[in-house]
Amino acid sequence: MIDLHAHLLPGVDDGPETLDEAVAMCRLAWEGGCTAVVATPHRRRDQWPDRPRAELAARLAELRRAVDLP
């Protein structure tokens, strides 16, 4: 299974607030049979400001290292 819409990046929008919460979400998805997840942060300037692409990439890289799953 592939999840094409997940708010996984910590501290970016209404998804997880911390890296630990994000890791827990990824592990739950894996245990539920999900083999790939697409991180899709919100883009609403009035509620969640746009973040630089480099910042989002860095948060994703940190999450991937912390999850340590295939």
N, C-alpha and C. Protein backbone atom coordinates (compact mmCIF):
# COMPACT_ATOMS: atom_id res chain seq x y z
N MET A 1 0.85 -1.17 0.00
CA MET A 1 0.00 0.00 0.00
C MET A 1 0.90 1.24 0.00
N ILE A 2 0.45 2.28 -0.69
CA ILE A 2 1.16 3.55 -0.76
C ILE A 2 0.21 4.65 -0.28
N ASP A 3 0.66 5.46 0.66
CA ASP A 3 -0.12 6.59 1.17
C ASP A 3 0.36 7.84 0.42
N LEU A 4 -0.51 8.42 -0.39
CA LEU A 4 -0.14 9.57 -1.21
C LEU A 4 -0.40 10.91 -0.55
N HIS A 5 -0.90 10.92 0.66
CA HIS A 5 -1.21 12.20 1.33
C HIS A 5 -1.05 12.04 2.83
N ALA A 6 0.12 12.39 3.34
CA ALA A 6 0.38 12.26 4.78
C ALA A 6 1.11 13.49 5.29
N HIS A 7 0.66 14.00 6.40
CA HIS A 7 1.32 15.14 7.05
C HIS A 7 2.30 14.56 8.07
N LEU A 8 3.52 14.32 7.63
CA LEU A 8 4.51 13.62 8.44
C LEU A 8 5.66 14.48 8.95
N LEU A 9 5.92 15.58 8.32
CA LEU A 9 7.10 16.35 8.68
C LEU A 9 6.84 17.09 10.00
N PRO A 10 7.68 16.87 10.99
CA PRO A 10 7.43 17.44 12.31
C PRO A 10 7.56 18.96 12.33
N GLY A 11 6.59 19.60 13.02
CA GLY A 11 6.63 21.03 13.22
C GLY A 11 6.33 21.88 12.01
N VAL A 12 5.69 21.29 10.99
CA VAL A 12 5.45 22.03 9.75
C VAL A 12 3.99 22.49 9.62
N ASP A 13 3.05 21.63 10.00
CA ASP A 13 1.64 21.96 9.86
C ASP A 13 0.86 21.28 10.98
N ASP A 14 -0.32 20.75 10.68
CA ASP A 14 -1.12 20.10 11.72
C ASP A 14 -0.77 18.62 11.91
N GLY A 15 0.36 18.21 11.37
CA GLY A 15 0.86 16.86 11.57
C GLY A 15 1.61 16.77 12.90
N PRO A 16 2.56 15.87 13.00
CA PRO A 16 3.28 15.69 14.26
C PRO A 16 4.05 16.94 14.67
N GLU A 17 4.11 17.16 15.97
CA GLU A 17 4.85 18.32 16.47
C GLU A 17 6.33 18.01 16.65
N THR A 18 6.65 16.75 16.91
CA THR A 18 8.04 16.38 17.20
C THR A 18 8.50 15.27 16.26
N LEU A 19 9.81 15.10 16.21
CA LEU A 19 10.40 14.01 15.42
C LEU A 19 9.93 12.66 15.96
N ASP A 20 9.87 12.52 17.27
CA ASP A 20 9.41 11.25 17.86
C ASP A 20 7.99 10.90 17.42
N GLU A 21 7.11 11.89 17.39
CA GLU A 21 5.74 11.64 16.93
C GLU A 21 5.73 11.23 15.46
N ALA A 22 6.55 11.89 14.65
CA ALA A 22 6.61 11.56 13.22
C ALA A 22 7.12 10.14 13.01
N VAL A 23 8.14 9.75 13.77
CA VAL A 23 8.67 8.39 13.68
C VAL A 23 7.59 7.39 14.06
N ALA A 24 6.85 7.67 15.12
CA ALA A 24 5.78 6.76 15.56
C ALA A 24 4.73 6.62 14.46
N MET A 25 4.38 7.71 13.80
CA MET A 25 3.41 7.65 12.71
C MET A 25 3.92 6.77 11.57
N CYS A 26 5.19 6.93 11.21
CA CYS A 26 5.77 6.12 10.14
C CYS A 26 5.79 4.64 10.51
N ARG A 27 6.13 4.35 11.73
CA ARG A 27 6.16 2.95 12.16
C ARG A 27 4.75 2.34 12.14
N LEU A 28 3.75 3.10 12.56
CA LEU A 28 2.37 2.61 12.51
C LEU A 28 1.95 2.34 11.06
N ALA A 29 2.32 3.23 10.17
CA ALA A 29 2.00 3.02 8.75
C ALA A 29 2.66 1.75 8.24
N TRP A 30 3.93 1.55 8.57
CA TRP A 30 4.68 0.36 8.16
C TRP A 30 4.01 -0.90 8.71
N GLU A 31 3.67 -0.88 9.98
CA GLU A 31 3.03 -2.04 10.61
C GLU A 31 1.66 -2.31 10.01
N GLY A 32 1.02 -1.29 9.48
CA GLY A 32 -0.28 -1.45 8.84
C GLY A 32 -0.20 -1.86 7.38
N GLY A 33 1.03 -2.06 6.87
CA GLY A 33 1.19 -2.55 5.51
C GLY A 33 1.57 -1.49 4.49
N CYS A 34 1.83 -0.29 4.94
CA CYS A 34 2.21 0.78 4.02
C CYS A 34 3.70 0.67 3.70
N THR A 35 4.03 0.64 2.43
CA THR A 35 5.43 0.49 2.02
C THR A 35 6.05 1.79 1.53
N ALA A 36 5.21 2.81 1.28
CA ALA A 36 5.71 4.11 0.85
C ALA A 36 4.71 5.18 1.30
N VAL A 37 5.24 6.33 1.67
CA VAL A 37 4.41 7.45 2.11
C VAL A 37 4.93 8.73 1.45
N VAL A 38 4.02 9.54 0.96
CA VAL A 38 4.38 10.82 0.38
C VAL A 38 4.07 11.91 1.41
N ALA A 39 5.11 12.62 1.85
CA ALA A 39 4.92 13.72 2.80
C ALA A 39 4.35 14.92 2.06
N THR A 40 3.17 15.38 2.47
CA THR A 40 2.48 16.46 1.77
C THR A 40 2.11 17.56 2.77
N PRO A 41 3.04 18.47 3.09
CA PRO A 41 2.72 19.53 4.04
C PRO A 41 1.68 20.51 3.49
N HIS A 42 0.90 21.07 4.40
CA HIS A 42 -0.07 22.09 4.01
C HIS A 42 0.65 23.32 3.48
N ARG A 43 -0.04 24.06 2.63
CA ARG A 43 0.47 25.34 2.11
C ARG A 43 -0.64 26.37 2.23
N ARG A 44 -0.80 26.90 3.44
CA ARG A 44 -1.79 27.96 3.66
C ARG A 44 -1.08 29.10 4.37
N ARG A 45 -0.83 30.17 3.66
CA ARG A 45 -0.06 31.28 4.23
C ARG A 45 -0.69 31.85 5.48
N ASP A 46 -2.03 31.81 5.58
CA ASP A 46 -2.69 32.38 6.74
C ASP A 46 -2.57 31.51 7.98
N GLN A 47 -2.30 30.21 7.80
CA GLN A 47 -2.24 29.30 8.94
C GLN A 47 -0.87 28.63 9.08
N TRP A 48 -0.31 28.15 7.97
CA TRP A 48 1.00 27.51 7.97
C TRP A 48 1.83 28.17 6.88
N PRO A 49 2.82 28.95 7.27
CA PRO A 49 3.60 29.66 6.25
C PRO A 49 4.36 28.69 5.35
N ASP A 50 4.55 29.11 4.10
CA ASP A 50 5.36 28.32 3.18
C ASP A 50 6.76 28.20 3.75
N ARG A 51 7.33 27.03 3.63
CA ARG A 51 8.69 26.79 4.12
C ARG A 51 9.61 26.62 2.92
N PRO A 52 10.85 27.06 3.05
CA PRO A 52 11.80 26.85 1.96
C PRO A 52 11.96 25.37 1.65
N ARG A 53 12.11 25.07 0.39
CA ARG A 53 12.25 23.68 -0.05
C ARG A 53 13.42 22.98 0.67
N ALA A 54 14.50 23.71 0.88
CA ALA A 54 15.68 23.12 1.56
C ALA A 54 15.33 22.73 2.99
N GLU A 55 14.50 23.53 3.67
CA GLU A 55 14.10 23.18 5.04
C GLU A 55 13.25 21.91 5.05
N LEU A 56 12.30 21.81 4.12
CA LEU A 56 11.46 20.61 4.06
C LEU A 56 12.31 19.38 3.74
N ALA A 57 13.25 19.53 2.82
CA ALA A 57 14.13 18.41 2.47
C ALA A 57 14.97 17.99 3.66
N ALA A 58 15.43 18.93 4.46
CA ALA A 58 16.23 18.61 5.64
C ALA A 58 15.39 17.89 6.68
N ARG A 59 14.16 18.34 6.88
CA ARG A 59 13.27 17.66 7.84
C ARG A 59 12.95 16.24 7.38
N LEU A 60 12.74 16.07 6.08
CA LEU A 60 12.48 14.74 5.54
C LEU A 60 13.69 13.84 5.71
N ALA A 61 14.87 14.34 5.43
CA ALA A 61 16.09 13.54 5.58
C ALA A 61 16.27 13.12 7.05
N GLU A 62 16.01 14.04 7.97
CA GLU A 62 16.13 13.71 9.39
C GLU A 62 15.13 12.62 9.78
N LEU A 63 13.91 12.72 9.27
CA LEU A 63 12.88 11.73 9.56
C LEU A 63 13.26 10.37 8.98
N ARG A 64 13.76 10.35 7.75
CA ARG A 64 14.15 9.08 7.13
C ARG A 64 15.24 8.38 7.93
N ARG A 65 16.22 9.17 8.41
CA ARG A 65 17.30 8.58 9.24
C ARG A 65 16.74 8.03 10.54
N ALA A 66 15.82 8.76 11.15
CA ALA A 66 15.28 8.36 12.44
C ALA A 66 14.37 7.13 12.35
N VAL A 67 13.64 7.00 11.24
CA VAL A 67 12.72 5.87 11.09
C VAL A 67 13.48 4.57 10.88
N ASP A 68 14.48 4.59 10.03
CA ASP A 68 15.34 3.42 9.80
C ASP A 68 14.54 2.18 9.41
N LEU A 69 13.66 2.34 8.43
CA LEU A 69 12.91 1.21 7.85
C LEU A 69 13.23 1.16 6.36
N PRO A 70 12.99 0.02 5.74
CA PRO A 70 13.23 -0.07 4.28
C PRO A 70 12.36 0.91 3.50
